[in-house]
């Protein structure tokens, strides 16, 4: 599961980079992952970006720093490895 989470994190980086290039932003950003018992928290520039359920692979929008929202946005186990969650959100930086 961690390998799929790492692939999802790479997609998050790529989508943000593409968005910044299209808007001609020059902004360095950092994407990290904190692994908990049940969820992996994806962090972009010290803000929670998304939560990934480590059992099911479901991607959730953050409801705050420590918790997820109720509804699933996508899955890292899909063919696109969760890219649908990034595209459907309308905002590439935060779901």
PDB file of N, CA and C in Angstrom:
ATOM      1  N   UNK A   1       0.836  -1.195   0.000  1.00  0.00           N
ATOM      2  CA  UNK A   1       0.000   0.000   0.000  1.00  0.00           C
ATOM      3  C   UNK A   1       0.882   1.260   0.000  1.00  0.00           C
ATOM      4  N   UNK A   2       2.010   1.212   0.712  1.00  0.00           N
ATOM      5  CA  UNK A   2       2.869   2.400   0.758  1.00  0.00           C
ATOM      6  C   UNK A   2       3.402   2.779  -0.616  1.00  0.00           C
ATOM      7  N   UNK A   3       3.642   1.780  -1.450  1.00  0.00           N
ATOM      8  CA  UNK A   3       4.111   2.066  -2.803  1.00  0.00           C
ATOM      9  C   UNK A   3       3.051   2.838  -3.584  1.00  0.00           C
ATOM     10  N   UNK A   4       1.791   2.457  -3.455  1.00  0.00           N
ATOM     11  CA  UNK A   4       0.699   3.168  -4.132  1.00  0.00           C
ATOM     12  C   UNK A   4       0.537   4.574  -3.570  1.00  0.00           C
ATOM     13  N   UNK A   5       0.729   4.735  -2.278  1.00  0.00           N
ATOM     14  CA  UNK A   5       0.646   6.067  -1.666  1.00  0.00           C
ATOM     15  C   UNK A   5       1.765   6.945  -2.208  1.00  0.00           C
ATOM     16  N   UNK A   6       2.966   6.403  -2.336  1.00  0.00           N
ATOM     17  CA  UNK A   6       4.090   7.179  -2.872  1.00  0.00           C
ATOM     18  C   UNK A   6       3.826   7.590  -4.326  1.00  0.00           C
ATOM     19  N   UNK A   7       3.203   6.717  -5.116  1.00  0.00           N
ATOM     20  CA  UNK A   7       2.843   7.065  -6.495  1.00  0.00           C
ATOM     21  C   UNK A   7       1.811   8.189  -6.507  1.00  0.00           C
ATOM     22  N   UNK A   8       0.857   8.130  -5.583  1.00  0.00           N
ATOM     23  CA  UNK A   8      -0.156   9.194  -5.473  1.00  0.00           C
ATOM     24  C   UNK A   8       0.509  10.520  -5.120  1.00  0.00           C
ATOM     25  N   UNK A   9       1.459  10.481  -4.197  1.00  0.00           N
ATOM     26  CA  UNK A   9       2.170  11.698  -3.796  1.00  0.00           C
ATOM     27  C   UNK A   9       2.927  12.282  -4.991  1.00  0.00           C
ATOM     28  N   UNK A  10       3.519  11.445  -5.806  1.00  0.00           N
ATOM     29  CA  UNK A  10       4.198  11.930  -7.011  1.00  0.00           C
ATOM     30  C   UNK A  10       3.208  12.597  -7.953  1.00  0.00           C
ATOM     31  N   UNK A  11       1.997  12.050  -8.056  1.00  0.00           N
ATOM     32  CA  UNK A  11       0.972  12.685  -8.896  1.00  0.00           C
ATOM     33  C   UNK A  11       0.562  14.036  -8.330  1.00  0.00           C
ATOM     34  N   UNK A  12       0.449  14.131  -7.017  1.00  0.00           N
ATOM     35  CA  UNK A  12       0.126  15.416  -6.386  1.00  0.00           C
ATOM     36  C   UNK A  12       1.199  16.434  -6.760  1.00  0.00           C
ATOM     37  N   UNK A  13       2.455  16.047  -6.651  1.00  0.00           N
ATOM     38  CA  UNK A  13       3.555  16.954  -7.010  1.00  0.00           C
ATOM     39  C   UNK A  13       3.469  17.377  -8.468  1.00  0.00           C
ATOM     40  N   UNK A  14       3.226  16.413  -9.355  1.00  0.00           N
ATOM     41  CA  UNK A  14       3.167  16.723 -10.785  1.00  0.00           C
ATOM     42  C   UNK A  14       2.012  17.646 -11.128  1.00  0.00           C
ATOM     43  N   UNK A  15       0.848  17.416 -10.549  1.00  0.00           N
ATOM     44  CA  UNK A  15      -0.318  18.253 -10.834  1.00  0.00           C
ATOM     45  C   UNK A  15      -0.095  19.677 -10.323  1.00  0.00           C
ATOM     46  N   UNK A  16       0.479  19.818  -9.149  1.00  0.00           N
ATOM     47  CA  UNK A  16       0.768  21.155  -8.625  1.00  0.00           C
ATOM     48  C   UNK A  16       1.810  21.843  -9.501  1.00  0.00           C
ATOM     49  N   UNK A  17       2.848  21.115  -9.892  1.00  0.00           N
ATOM     50  CA  UNK A  17       3.895  21.681 -10.750  1.00  0.00           C
ATOM     51  C   UNK A  17       3.309  22.137 -12.083  1.00  0.00           C
ATOM     52  N   UNK A  18       2.446  21.328 -12.701  1.00  0.00           N
ATOM     53  CA  UNK A  18       1.809  21.702 -13.968  1.00  0.00           C
ATOM     54  C   UNK A  18       0.946  22.944 -13.801  1.00  0.00           C
ATOM     55  N   UNK A  19       0.214  23.020 -12.692  1.00  0.00           N
ATOM     56  CA  UNK A  19      -0.631  24.183 -12.428  1.00  0.00           C
ATOM     57  C   UNK A  19       0.217  25.431 -12.257  1.00  0.00           C
ATOM     58  N   UNK A  20       1.320  25.321 -11.531  1.00  0.00           N
ATOM     59  CA  UNK A  20       2.201  26.470 -11.319  1.00  0.00           C
ATOM     60  C   UNK A  20       2.847  26.904 -12.635  1.00  0.00           C
ATOM     61  N   UNK A  21       3.236  25.951 -13.470  1.00  0.00           N
ATOM     62  CA  UNK A  21       3.824  26.292 -14.768  1.00  0.00           C
ATOM     63  C   UNK A  21       2.808  27.001 -15.655  1.00  0.00           C
ATOM     64  N   UNK A  22       1.579  26.520 -15.666  1.00  0.00           N
ATOM     65  CA  UNK A  22       0.537  27.127 -16.497  1.00  0.00           C
ATOM     66  C   UNK A  22       0.220  28.554 -16.052  1.00  0.00           C
ATOM     67  N   UNK A  23       0.298  28.790 -14.766  1.00  0.00           N
ATOM     68  CA  UNK A  23      -0.004  30.130 -14.228  1.00  0.00           C
ATOM     69  C   UNK A  23       1.249  30.979 -14.066  1.00  0.00           C
ATOM     70  N   UNK A  24       2.397  30.422 -14.476  1.00  0.00           N
ATOM     71  CA  UNK A  24       3.692  31.083 -14.394  1.00  0.00           C
ATOM     72  C   UNK A  24       4.048  31.501 -12.975  1.00  0.00           C
ATOM     73  N   UNK A  25       3.724  30.635 -12.031  1.00  0.00           N
ATOM     74  CA  UNK A  25       4.125  30.856 -10.642  1.00  0.00           C
ATOM     75  C   UNK A  25       5.549  30.355 -10.474  1.00  0.00           C
ATOM     76  N   UNK A  26       6.316  31.059  -9.716  1.00  0.00           N
ATOM     77  CA  UNK A  26       7.608  30.538  -9.305  1.00  0.00           C
ATOM     78  C   UNK A  26       7.509  30.326  -7.809  1.00  0.00           C
ATOM     79  N   UNK A  27       7.179  29.120  -7.438  1.00  0.00           N
ATOM     80  CA  UNK A  27       6.955  28.836  -6.024  1.00  0.00           C
ATOM     81  C   UNK A  27       7.467  27.443  -5.723  1.00  0.00           C
ATOM     82  N   UNK A  28       8.405  27.368  -4.828  1.00  0.00           N
ATOM     83  CA  UNK A  28       8.834  26.056  -4.373  1.00  0.00           C
ATOM     84  C   UNK A  28       7.808  25.517  -3.391  1.00  0.00           C
ATOM     85  N   UNK A  29       7.516  24.261  -3.481  1.00  0.00           N
ATOM     86  CA  UNK A  29       6.564  23.657  -2.568  1.00  0.00           C
ATOM     87  C   UNK A  29       7.117  22.321  -2.116  1.00  0.00           C
ATOM     88  N   UNK A  30       6.682  21.912  -0.953  1.00  0.00           N
ATOM     89  CA  UNK A  30       7.135  20.656  -0.382  1.00  0.00           C
ATOM     90  C   UNK A  30       5.936  19.757  -0.131  1.00  0.00           C
ATOM     91  N   UNK A  31       6.041  18.520  -0.573  1.00  0.00           N
ATOM     92  CA  UNK A  31       4.986  17.534  -0.355  1.00  0.00           C
ATOM     93  C   UNK A  31       5.577  16.405   0.473  1.00  0.00           C
ATOM     94  N   UNK A  32       4.967  16.133   1.624  1.00  0.00           N
ATOM     95  CA  UNK A  32       5.440  15.065   2.500  1.00  0.00           C
ATOM     96  C   UNK A  32       4.262  14.181   2.903  1.00  0.00           C
ATOM     97  N   UNK A  33       4.576  13.057   3.525  1.00  0.00           N
ATOM     98  CA  UNK A  33       3.559  12.115   3.984  1.00  0.00           C
ATOM     99  C   UNK A  33       3.858  11.747   5.423  1.00  0.00           C
ATOM    100  N   UNK A  34       2.821  11.765   6.252  1.00  0.00           N
ATOM    101  CA  UNK A  34       2.913  11.258   7.623  1.00  0.00           C
ATOM    102  C   UNK A  34       2.028  10.018   7.706  1.00  0.00           C
ATOM    103  N   UNK A  35       2.612   8.907   8.086  1.00  0.00           N
ATOM    104  CA  UNK A  35       1.874   7.658   8.195  1.00  0.00           C
ATOM    105  C   UNK A  35       1.371   7.466   9.619  1.00  0.00           C
ATOM    106  N   UNK A  36       0.067   7.278   9.743  1.00  0.00           N
ATOM    107  CA  UNK A  36      -0.542   6.956  11.027  1.00  0.00           C
ATOM    108  C   UNK A  36      -0.928   5.493  11.041  1.00  0.00           C
ATOM    109  N   UNK A  37      -1.730   5.116  12.027  1.00  0.00           N
ATOM    110  CA  UNK A  37      -2.172   3.723  12.095  1.00  0.00           C
ATOM    111  C   UNK A  37      -3.150   3.376  10.995  1.00  0.00           C
ATOM    112  N   UNK A  38      -4.094   4.286  10.712  1.00  0.00           N
ATOM    113  CA  UNK A  38      -5.133   3.997   9.728  1.00  0.00           C
ATOM    114  C   UNK A  38      -5.016   4.844   8.462  1.00  0.00           C
ATOM    115  N   UNK A  39      -4.536   6.069   8.589  1.00  0.00           N
ATOM    116  CA  UNK A  39      -4.487   6.996   7.461  1.00  0.00           C
ATOM    117  C   UNK A  39      -3.072   7.519   7.229  1.00  0.00           C
ATOM    118  N   UNK A  40      -2.790   7.805   5.972  1.00  0.00           N
ATOM    119  CA  UNK A  40      -1.585   8.525   5.594  1.00  0.00           C
ATOM    120  C   UNK A  40      -2.028   9.949   5.276  1.00  0.00           C
ATOM    121  N   UNK A  41      -1.379  10.919   5.893  1.00  0.00           N
ATOM    122  CA  UNK A  41      -1.721  12.320   5.670  1.00  0.00           C
ATOM    123  C   UNK A  41      -0.737  12.906   4.667  1.00  0.00           C
ATOM    124  N   UNK A  42      -1.249  13.419   3.548  1.00  0.00           N
ATOM    125  CA  UNK A  42      -0.422  14.076   2.541  1.00  0.00           C
ATOM    126  C   UNK A  42      -0.415  15.562   2.874  1.00  0.00           C
ATOM    127  N   UNK A  43       0.782  16.120   3.007  1.00  0.00           N
ATOM    128  CA  UNK A  43       0.950  17.501   3.450  1.00  0.00           C
ATOM    129  C   UNK A  43       1.637  18.285   2.339  1.00  0.00           C
ATOM    130  N   UNK A  44       1.052  19.427   1.985  1.00  0.00           N
ATOM    131  CA  UNK A  44       1.651  20.334   1.011  1.00  0.00           C
ATOM    132  C   UNK A  44       1.883  21.657   1.715  1.00  0.00           C
ATOM    133  N   UNK A  45       3.166  22.041   1.797  1.00  0.00           N
ATOM    134  CA  UNK A  45       3.546  23.301   2.432  1.00  0.00           C
ATOM    135  C   UNK A  45       2.914  23.479   3.815  1.00  0.00           C
ATOM    136  N   UNK A  46       3.048  22.513   4.671  1.00  0.00           N
ATOM    137  CA  UNK A  46       2.591  22.543   6.064  1.00  0.00           C
ATOM    138  C   UNK A  46       1.068  22.622   6.210  1.00  0.00           C
ATOM    139  N   UNK A  47       0.331  22.223   5.168  1.00  0.00           N
ATOM    140  CA  UNK A  47      -1.132  22.158   5.234  1.00  0.00           C
ATOM    141  C   UNK A  47      -1.577  20.767   4.798  1.00  0.00           C
ATOM    142  N   UNK A  48      -2.573  20.231   5.474  1.00  0.00           N
ATOM    143  CA  UNK A  48      -3.097  18.915   5.096  1.00  0.00           C
ATOM    144  C   UNK A  48      -3.732  19.012   3.716  1.00  0.00           C
ATOM    145  N   UNK A  49      -3.298  18.171   2.805  1.00  0.00           N
ATOM    146  CA  UNK A  49      -3.824  18.156   1.443  1.00  0.00           C
ATOM    147  C   UNK A  49      -4.902  17.087   1.285  1.00  0.00           C
ATOM    148  N   UNK A  50      -4.618  15.891   1.798  1.00  0.00           N
ATOM    149  CA  UNK A  50      -5.564  14.790   1.698  1.00  0.00           C
ATOM    150  C   UNK A  50      -5.178  13.688   2.671  1.00  0.00           C
ATOM    151  N   UNK A  51      -6.121  12.796   2.893  1.00  0.00           N
ATOM    152  CA  UNK A  51      -5.894  11.626   3.737  1.00  0.00           C
ATOM    153  C   UNK A  51      -6.147  10.391   2.888  1.00  0.00           C
ATOM    154  N   UNK A  52      -5.301   9.379   3.048  1.00  0.00           N
ATOM    155  CA  UNK A  52      -5.462   8.128   2.313  1.00  0.00           C
ATOM    156  C   UNK A  52      -5.658   7.008   3.331  1.00  0.00           C
ATOM    157  N   UNK A  53      -6.764   6.284   3.196  1.00  0.00           N
ATOM    158  CA  UNK A  53      -7.031   5.132   4.053  1.00  0.00           C
ATOM    159  C   UNK A  53      -6.053   4.033   3.663  1.00  0.00           C
ATOM    160  N   UNK A  54      -5.238   3.589   4.594  1.00  0.00           N
ATOM    161  CA  UNK A  54      -4.185   2.628   4.282  1.00  0.00           C
ATOM    162  C   UNK A  54      -4.703   1.208   4.109  1.00  0.00           C
ATOM    163  N   UNK A  55      -5.961   0.956   4.434  1.00  0.00           N
ATOM    164  CA  UNK A  55      -6.541  -0.378   4.207  1.00  0.00           C
ATOM    165  C   UNK A  55      -7.271  -0.456   2.875  1.00  0.00           C
ATOM    166  N   UNK A  56      -8.055   0.576   2.551  1.00  0.00           N
ATOM    167  CA  UNK A  56      -8.886   0.545   1.352  1.00  0.00           C
ATOM    168  C   UNK A  56      -8.310   1.333   0.184  1.00  0.00           C
ATOM    169  N   UNK A  57      -7.403   2.269   0.447  1.00  0.00           N
ATOM    170  CA  UNK A  57      -6.841   3.111  -0.600  1.00  0.00           C
ATOM    171  C   UNK A  57      -7.700   4.306  -0.946  1.00  0.00           C
ATOM    172  N   UNK A  58      -8.778   4.542  -0.201  1.00  0.00           N
ATOM    173  CA  UNK A  58      -9.663   5.676  -0.468  1.00  0.00           C
ATOM    174  C   UNK A  58      -8.978   6.988  -0.118  1.00  0.00           C
ATOM    175  N   UNK A  59      -9.238   8.013  -0.953  1.00  0.00           N
ATOM    176  CA  UNK A  59      -8.683   9.345  -0.758  1.00  0.00           C
ATOM    177  C   UNK A  59      -9.783  10.248  -0.216  1.00  0.00           C
ATOM    178  N   UNK A  60      -9.465  10.978   0.853  1.00  0.00           N
ATOM    179  CA  UNK A  60     -10.415  11.883   1.489  1.00  0.00           C
ATOM    180  C   UNK A  60      -9.868  13.303   1.506  1.00  0.00           C
ATOM    181  N   UNK A  61     -10.760  14.251   1.409  1.00  0.00           N
ATOM    182  CA  UNK A  61     -10.439  15.656   1.602  1.00  0.00           C
ATOM    183  C   UNK A  61     -10.201  15.872   3.097  1.00  0.00           C
ATOM    184  N   UNK A  62      -9.324  16.776   3.487  1.00  0.00           N
ATOM    185  CA  UNK A  62      -9.147  17.024   4.919  1.00  0.00           C
ATOM    186  C   UNK A  62     -10.283  17.887   5.480  1.00  0.00           C
ATOM    187  N   UNK A  63     -10.705  17.585   6.687  1.00  0.00           N
ATOM    188  CA  UNK A  63     -11.672  18.426   7.391  1.00  0.00           C
ATOM    189  C   UNK A  63     -10.918  19.365   8.325  1.00  0.00           C
ATOM    190  N   UNK A  64      -9.648  19.157   8.438  1.00  0.00           N
ATOM    191  CA  UNK A  64      -8.755  19.936   9.293  1.00  0.00           C
ATOM    192  C   UNK A  64      -7.411  19.235   9.322  1.00  0.00           C
ATOM    193  N   UNK A  65      -6.533  19.701  10.176  1.00  0.00           N
ATOM    194  CA  UNK A  65      -5.198  19.119  10.253  1.00  0.00           C
ATOM    195  C   UNK A  65      -5.231  17.659  10.697  1.00  0.00           C
ATOM    196  N   UNK A  66      -6.103  17.324  11.631  1.00  0.00           N
ATOM    197  CA  UNK A  66      -6.095  15.984  12.210  1.00  0.00           C
ATOM    198  C   UNK A  66      -7.191  15.054  11.715  1.00  0.00           C
ATOM    199  N   UNK A  67      -8.047  15.510  10.835  1.00  0.00           N
ATOM    200  CA  UNK A  67      -9.161  14.642  10.446  1.00  0.00           C
ATOM    201  C   UNK A  67      -9.559  14.784   8.997  1.00  0.00           C
ATOM    202  N   UNK A  68     -10.257  13.785   8.541  1.00  0.00           N
ATOM    203  CA  UNK A  68     -10.707  13.740   7.155  1.00  0.00           C
ATOM    204  C   UNK A  68     -12.180  14.111   7.058  1.00  0.00           C
ATOM    205  N   UNK A  69     -12.581  14.464   5.851  1.00  0.00           N
ATOM    206  CA  UNK A  69     -13.993  14.699   5.577  1.00  0.00           C
ATOM    207  C   UNK A  69     -14.689  13.347   5.403  1.00  0.00           C
ATOM    208  N   UNK A  70     -16.006  13.366   5.303  1.00  0.00           N
ATOM    209  CA  UNK A  70     -16.780  12.122   5.256  1.00  0.00           C
ATOM    210  C   UNK A  70     -16.738  11.411   3.915  1.00  0.00           C
ATOM    211  N   UNK A  71     -16.665  12.152   2.821  1.00  0.00           N
ATOM    212  CA  UNK A  71     -16.874  11.554   1.506  1.00  0.00           C
ATOM    213  C   UNK A  71     -15.564  11.220   0.801  1.00  0.00           C
ATOM    214  N   UNK A  72     -15.567  10.105   0.119  1.00  0.00           N
ATOM    215  CA  UNK A  72     -14.407   9.641  -0.636  1.00  0.00           C
ATOM    216  C   UNK A  72     -14.288  10.453  -1.920  1.00  0.00           C
ATOM    217  N   UNK A  73     -13.070  10.896  -2.255  1.00  0.00           N
ATOM    218  CA  UNK A  73     -12.816  11.670  -3.478  1.00  0.00           C
ATOM    219  C   UNK A  73     -12.246  10.816  -4.606  1.00  0.00           C
ATOM    220  N   UNK A  74     -11.668   9.691  -4.253  1.00  0.00           N
ATOM    221  CA  UNK A  74     -11.068   8.810  -5.254  1.00  0.00           C
ATOM    222  C   UNK A  74     -10.378   7.658  -4.549  1.00  0.00           C
ATOM    223  N   UNK A  75      -9.568   6.923  -5.299  1.00  0.00           N
ATOM    224  CA  UNK A  75      -8.861   5.782  -4.737  1.00  0.00           C
ATOM    225  C   UNK A  75      -7.484   5.670  -5.369  1.00  0.00           C
ATOM    226  N   UNK A  76      -6.493   5.370  -4.558  1.00  0.00           N
ATOM    227  CA  UNK A  76      -5.152   5.171  -5.090  1.00  0.00           C
ATOM    228  C   UNK A  76      -5.035   3.814  -5.775  1.00  0.00           C
ATOM    229  N   UNK A  77      -6.044   2.988  -5.634  1.00  0.00           N
ATOM    230  CA  UNK A  77      -6.042   1.677  -6.272  1.00  0.00           C
ATOM    231  C   UNK A  77      -6.730   1.683  -7.638  1.00  0.00           C
ATOM    232  N   UNK A  78      -7.185   2.853  -8.084  1.00  0.00           N
ATOM    233  CA  UNK A  78      -7.814   2.956  -9.403  1.00  0.00           C
ATOM    234  C   UNK A  78      -6.740   2.913 -10.487  1.00  0.00           C
ATOM    235  N   UNK A  79      -7.171   2.854 -11.743  1.00  0.00           N
ATOM    236  CA  UNK A  79      -6.235   2.815 -12.869  1.00  0.00           C
ATOM    237  C   UNK A  79      -5.346   4.048 -12.925  1.00  0.00           C
ATOM    238  N   UNK A  80      -5.869   5.187 -12.497  1.00  0.00           N
ATOM    239  CA  UNK A  80      -5.107   6.441 -12.549  1.00  0.00           C
ATOM    240  C   UNK A  80      -4.377   6.738 -11.252  1.00  0.00           C
ATOM    241  N   UNK A  81      -4.425   5.835 -10.295  1.00  0.00           N
ATOM    242  CA  UNK A  81      -3.759   5.989  -9.005  1.00  0.00           C
ATOM    243  C   UNK A  81      -4.195   7.252  -8.277  1.00  0.00           C
ATOM    244  N   UNK A  82      -5.470   7.578  -8.354  1.00  0.00           N
ATOM    245  CA  UNK A  82      -6.016   8.697  -7.595  1.00  0.00           C
ATOM    246  C   UNK A  82      -6.026  10.028  -8.310  1.00  0.00           C
ATOM    247  N   UNK A  83      -5.602  10.069  -9.556  1.00  0.00           N
ATOM    248  CA  UNK A  83      -5.562  11.345 -10.277  1.00  0.00           C
ATOM    249  C   UNK A  83      -6.955  11.931 -10.467  1.00  0.00           C
ATOM    250  N   UNK A  84      -7.972  11.059 -10.522  1.00  0.00           N
ATOM    251  CA  UNK A  84      -9.350  11.552 -10.667  1.00  0.00           C
ATOM    252  C   UNK A  84      -9.751  12.428  -9.488  1.00  0.00           C
ATOM    253  N   UNK A  85      -9.215  12.159  -8.327  1.00  0.00           N
ATOM    254  CA  UNK A  85      -9.516  12.975  -7.149  1.00  0.00           C
ATOM    255  C   UNK A  85      -8.903  14.357  -7.283  1.00  0.00           C
ATOM    256  N   UNK A  86      -7.740  14.440  -7.884  1.00  0.00           N
ATOM    257  CA  UNK A  86      -7.081  15.729  -8.073  1.00  0.00           C
ATOM    258  C   UNK A  86      -7.762  16.545  -9.162  1.00  0.00           C
ATOM    259  N   UNK A  87      -8.185  15.893 -10.229  1.00  0.00           N
ATOM    260  CA  UNK A  87      -8.823  16.597 -11.338  1.00  0.00           C
ATOM    261  C   UNK A  87     -10.249  17.022 -11.008  1.00  0.00           C
ATOM    262  N   UNK A  88     -10.989  16.201 -10.280  1.00  0.00           N
ATOM    263  CA  UNK A  88     -12.392  16.489  -9.986  1.00  0.00           C
ATOM    264  C   UNK A  88     -12.541  17.575  -8.943  1.00  0.00           C
ATOM    265  N   UNK A  89     -11.502  17.840  -8.192  1.00  0.00           N
ATOM    266  CA  UNK A  89     -11.607  18.782  -7.094  1.00  0.00           C
ATOM    267  C   UNK A  89     -11.743  20.210  -7.568  1.00  0.00           C
ATOM    268  N   UNK A  90     -11.211  20.511  -8.770  1.00  0.00           N
ATOM    269  CA  UNK A  90     -11.259  21.883  -9.257  1.00  0.00           C
ATOM    270  C   UNK A  90     -10.141  22.730  -8.689  1.00  0.00           C
ATOM    271  N   UNK A  91      -9.511  22.268  -7.673  1.00  0.00           N
ATOM    272  CA  UNK A  91      -8.401  22.977  -7.054  1.00  0.00           C
ATOM    273  C   UNK A  91      -7.280  21.973  -6.879  1.00  0.00           C
ATOM    274  N   UNK A  92      -6.201  22.141  -7.583  1.00  0.00           N
ATOM    275  CA  UNK A  92      -5.153  21.130  -7.541  1.00  0.00           C
ATOM    276  C   UNK A  92      -4.346  21.170  -6.264  1.00  0.00           C
ATOM    277  N   UNK A  93      -4.312  22.291  -5.610  1.00  0.00           N
ATOM    278  CA  UNK A  93      -3.494  22.378  -4.407  1.00  0.00           C
ATOM    279  C   UNK A  93      -4.159  21.661  -3.245  1.00  0.00           C
ATOM    280  N   UNK A  94      -5.439  21.847  -3.092  1.00  0.00           N
ATOM    281  CA  UNK A  94      -6.172  21.181  -2.008  1.00  0.00           C
ATOM    282  C   UNK A  94      -7.428  20.558  -2.582  1.00  0.00           C
ATOM    283  N   UNK A  95      -7.727  19.362  -2.156  1.00  0.00           N
ATOM    284  CA  UNK A  95      -8.935  18.701  -2.617  1.00  0.00           C
ATOM    285  C   UNK A  95     -10.105  19.486  -2.123  1.00  0.00           C
TER     286      UNK A  95
END
